[in-house]
Amino acid sequence: MEKAKIDRINELGRLMKERALTEEEKAEQAALRAEYMAEVRAALRKK
């Protein structure tokens, strides 16, 4: 996964602690997390 996407996941996580996320931010966060988890699972299956 690209570093920019991981940075965005972290940024949204920090924002969530400060304030409520907008619906668009929640959707973006869910999509990024799903992509990240899919890549982690694929890496684990290769081992």
N, C-alpha and C. Protein backbone atom coordinates (compact mmCIF):
# COMPACT_ATOMS: atom_id res chain seq x y z
N MET A 1 0.86 -1.17 0.00
CA MET A 1 0.00 0.00 0.00
C MET A 1 0.90 1.23 0.00
N GLU A 2 0.47 2.23 -0.71
CA GLU A 2 1.24 3.46 -0.81
C GLU A 2 1.33 4.17 0.53
N LYS A 3 2.46 4.79 0.77
CA LYS A 3 2.67 5.52 2.03
C LYS A 3 1.64 6.63 2.19
N ALA A 4 1.26 7.27 1.13
CA ALA A 4 0.27 8.36 1.20
C ALA A 4 -1.06 7.85 1.75
N LYS A 5 -1.45 6.64 1.34
CA LYS A 5 -2.72 6.09 1.82
C LYS A 5 -2.63 5.72 3.29
N ILE A 6 -1.51 5.17 3.72
CA ILE A 6 -1.32 4.85 5.13
C ILE A 6 -1.33 6.13 5.96
N ASP A 7 -0.67 7.16 5.46
CA ASP A 7 -0.67 8.45 6.14
C ASP A 7 -2.08 9.00 6.28
N ARG A 8 -2.89 8.82 5.23
CA ARG A 8 -4.28 9.30 5.27
C ARG A 8 -5.10 8.53 6.30
N ILE A 9 -4.89 7.21 6.40
CA ILE A 9 -5.58 6.41 7.42
C ILE A 9 -5.24 6.96 8.80
N ASN A 10 -3.96 7.24 9.03
CA ASN A 10 -3.53 7.76 10.32
C ASN A 10 -4.10 9.16 10.58
N GLU A 11 -4.13 9.98 9.55
CA GLU A 11 -4.69 11.33 9.69
C GLU A 11 -6.16 11.27 10.08
N LEU A 12 -6.91 10.40 9.42
CA LEU A 12 -8.34 10.27 9.74
C LEU A 12 -8.52 9.74 11.16
N GLY A 13 -7.64 8.85 11.59
CA GLY A 13 -7.71 8.35 12.96
C GLY A 13 -7.48 9.44 13.98
N ARG A 14 -6.51 10.32 13.70
CA ARG A 14 -6.26 11.45 14.60
C ARG A 14 -7.45 12.41 14.61
N LEU A 15 -8.02 12.67 13.43
CA LEU A 15 -9.18 13.57 13.35
C LEU A 15 -10.36 13.01 14.14
N MET A 16 -10.54 11.69 14.08
CA MET A 16 -11.65 11.05 14.77
C MET A 16 -11.56 11.27 16.28
N LYS A 17 -10.33 11.36 16.80
CA LYS A 17 -10.16 11.60 18.23
C LYS A 17 -10.48 13.05 18.60
N GLU A 18 -10.32 13.96 17.64
CA GLU A 18 -10.55 15.38 17.89
C GLU A 18 -12.00 15.80 17.68
N ARG A 19 -12.63 15.21 16.67
CA ARG A 19 -14.00 15.59 16.31
C ARG A 19 -14.66 14.43 15.58
N ALA A 20 -15.94 14.57 15.37
CA ALA A 20 -16.66 13.55 14.61
C ALA A 20 -16.30 13.68 13.13
N LEU A 21 -16.12 12.55 12.48
CA LEU A 21 -15.82 12.57 11.05
C LEU A 21 -17.10 12.81 10.25
N THR A 22 -16.94 13.44 9.09
CA THR A 22 -18.09 13.61 8.20
C THR A 22 -18.39 12.26 7.55
N GLU A 23 -19.52 12.17 6.92
CA GLU A 23 -19.90 10.92 6.25
C GLU A 23 -18.89 10.57 5.16
N GLU A 24 -18.42 11.58 4.43
CA GLU A 24 -17.42 11.34 3.38
C GLU A 24 -16.12 10.81 3.98
N GLU A 25 -15.70 11.39 5.11
CA GLU A 25 -14.47 10.93 5.76
C GLU A 25 -14.62 9.51 6.29
N LYS A 26 -15.80 9.20 6.83
CA LYS A 26 -16.05 7.84 7.32
C LYS A 26 -15.98 6.83 6.18
N ALA A 27 -16.56 7.18 5.05
CA ALA A 27 -16.55 6.29 3.89
C ALA A 27 -15.12 6.11 3.37
N GLU A 28 -14.37 7.19 3.32
CA GLU A 28 -12.98 7.12 2.87
C GLU A 28 -12.15 6.25 3.81
N GLN A 29 -12.36 6.44 5.11
CA GLN A 29 -11.63 5.66 6.11
C GLN A 29 -11.96 4.16 5.97
N ALA A 30 -13.22 3.84 5.80
CA ALA A 30 -13.63 2.44 5.66
C ALA A 30 -13.01 1.82 4.41
N ALA A 31 -13.00 2.56 3.31
CA ALA A 31 -12.43 2.04 2.07
C ALA A 31 -10.92 1.82 2.20
N LEU A 32 -10.24 2.78 2.82
CA LEU A 32 -8.79 2.65 3.00
C LEU A 32 -8.45 1.49 3.93
N ARG A 33 -9.22 1.35 5.00
CA ARG A 33 -8.98 0.24 5.93
C ARG A 33 -9.21 -1.10 5.25
N ALA A 34 -10.26 -1.20 4.46
CA ALA A 34 -10.55 -2.45 3.76
C ALA A 34 -9.43 -2.80 2.79
N GLU A 35 -8.93 -1.81 2.08
CA GLU A 35 -7.82 -2.04 1.15
C GLU A 35 -6.57 -2.49 1.91
N TYR A 36 -6.29 -1.83 3.03
CA TYR A 36 -5.13 -2.19 3.84
C TYR A 36 -5.24 -3.63 4.35
N MET A 37 -6.40 -3.97 4.88
CA MET A 37 -6.60 -5.33 5.43
C MET A 37 -6.51 -6.38 4.33
N ALA A 38 -7.00 -6.09 3.14
CA ALA A 38 -6.91 -7.03 2.03
C ALA A 38 -5.45 -7.29 1.67
N GLU A 39 -4.63 -6.24 1.69
CA GLU A 39 -3.21 -6.41 1.39
C GLU A 39 -2.50 -7.19 2.48
N VAL A 40 -2.86 -6.96 3.74
CA VAL A 40 -2.25 -7.70 4.85
C VAL A 40 -2.61 -9.18 4.73
N ARG A 41 -3.87 -9.46 4.49
CA ARG A 41 -4.31 -10.86 4.36
C ARG A 41 -3.61 -11.55 3.19
N ALA A 42 -3.47 -10.85 2.08
CA ALA A 42 -2.80 -11.43 0.91
C ALA A 42 -1.34 -11.73 1.23
N ALA A 43 -0.69 -10.84 1.96
CA ALA A 43 0.71 -11.06 2.34
C ALA A 43 0.85 -12.26 3.26
N LEU A 44 -0.12 -12.43 4.17
CA LEU A 44 -0.06 -13.56 5.09
C LEU A 44 -0.31 -14.89 4.37
N ARG A 45 -1.14 -14.87 3.35
CA ARG A 45 -1.43 -16.09 2.60
C ARG A 45 -0.22 -16.55 1.80
N LYS A 46 0.64 -15.62 1.39
CA LYS A 46 1.81 -15.96 0.62
C LYS A 46 2.85 -16.69 1.44
N LYS A 47 2.82 -16.51 2.75
CA LYS A 47 3.83 -17.12 3.61
C LYS A 47 3.56 -18.55 3.88
